[in-house]
């Protein structure tokens, strides 16, 4: 059941509320999200993952991909 829908033009993220707890395993785990106090340092390496486009002209993939990227607060702000 969908309780709230907040469309976002480029950020495809879903939060799922489960009816009961799910046991965590090496294949099922919680997402680690940064807290407000976490400092993302410009130029530091990070990982990103998802099913989206790998370039503006590509199509979305049907298997998850991951990439190691450099953090760029200026580029992130430009996308927001």
Protein backbone atom coordinates (compact mmCIF):
# COMPACT_ATOMS: atom_id res chain seq x y z
CA UNK A 1 0.00 0.00 0.00
CA UNK A 2 1.44 3.39 -0.97
CA UNK A 3 0.98 5.92 1.82
CA UNK A 4 2.69 8.88 0.18
CA UNK A 5 4.11 9.64 -3.24
CA UNK A 6 6.62 12.45 -3.73
CA UNK A 7 7.64 12.61 -7.38
CA UNK A 8 11.21 13.71 -7.99
CA UNK A 9 12.44 14.39 -11.53
CA UNK A 10 15.88 12.77 -11.25
CA UNK A 11 16.20 11.09 -7.83
CA UNK A 12 14.53 7.67 -7.78
CA UNK A 13 14.51 6.56 -4.16
CA UNK A 14 11.89 4.52 -2.32
CA UNK A 15 11.38 4.00 1.41
CA UNK A 16 9.52 0.83 2.28
CA UNK A 17 7.77 0.29 5.62
CA UNK A 18 7.50 -3.43 6.34
CA UNK A 19 4.61 -5.03 8.23
CA UNK A 20 7.05 -7.13 10.27
CA UNK A 21 10.82 -7.27 10.85
CA UNK A 22 13.01 -9.04 8.31
CA UNK A 23 16.06 -11.00 9.53
CA UNK A 24 19.27 -9.38 8.32
CA UNK A 25 21.70 -11.60 6.41
CA UNK A 26 24.71 -11.16 4.15
CA UNK A 27 22.19 -10.61 1.30
CA UNK A 28 19.59 -8.53 3.19
CA UNK A 29 20.74 -5.49 5.14
CA UNK A 30 19.85 -1.91 5.95
CA UNK A 31 21.06 1.02 3.87
CA UNK A 32 23.74 3.17 5.50
CA UNK A 33 22.82 6.80 4.94
CA UNK A 34 24.92 9.77 6.08
CA UNK A 35 23.74 11.77 9.07
CA UNK A 36 23.37 15.54 9.00
CA UNK A 37 26.70 15.90 10.83
CA UNK A 38 28.65 13.71 8.37
CA UNK A 39 31.08 15.76 6.32
CA UNK A 40 31.41 14.81 2.67
CA UNK A 41 34.88 15.95 1.68
CA UNK A 42 35.43 17.38 -1.78
CA UNK A 43 37.53 14.98 -3.87
CA UNK A 44 37.18 12.02 -1.49
CA UNK A 45 36.37 8.64 -3.09
CA UNK A 46 32.93 7.11 -2.52
CA UNK A 47 30.74 4.33 -3.92
CA UNK A 48 27.43 4.73 -5.72
CA UNK A 49 25.03 2.01 -6.83
CA UNK A 50 21.77 1.74 -8.71
CA UNK A 51 19.85 0.84 -11.83
CA UNK A 52 19.92 4.23 -13.52
CA UNK A 53 21.58 5.62 -16.60
CA UNK A 54 25.38 5.50 -16.91
CA UNK A 55 25.37 8.54 -19.21
CA UNK A 56 22.76 11.09 -20.35
CA UNK A 57 22.24 9.27 -23.67
CA UNK A 58 22.09 5.71 -22.28
CA UNK A 59 19.05 3.67 -21.27
CA UNK A 60 18.48 2.40 -17.73
CA UNK A 61 19.91 -1.04 -16.94
CA UNK A 62 17.99 -3.97 -15.47
CA UNK A 63 20.80 -5.20 -13.22
CA UNK A 64 22.30 -3.05 -10.46
CA UNK A 65 25.64 -1.39 -11.13
CA UNK A 66 28.16 0.15 -8.81
CA UNK A 67 30.89 2.70 -9.36
CA UNK A 68 33.62 4.43 -7.39
CA UNK A 69 33.36 8.20 -7.78
CA UNK A 70 34.94 11.37 -6.42
CA UNK A 71 32.69 13.53 -4.25
CA UNK A 72 31.98 16.95 -5.73
CA UNK A 73 29.65 19.10 -3.58
CA UNK A 74 29.53 21.74 -6.33
CA UNK A 75 28.35 19.17 -8.91
CA UNK A 76 25.78 17.76 -6.43
CA UNK A 77 24.36 21.22 -5.72
CA UNK A 78 24.06 21.85 -9.46
CA UNK A 79 21.90 18.70 -9.80
CA UNK A 80 19.65 19.57 -6.87
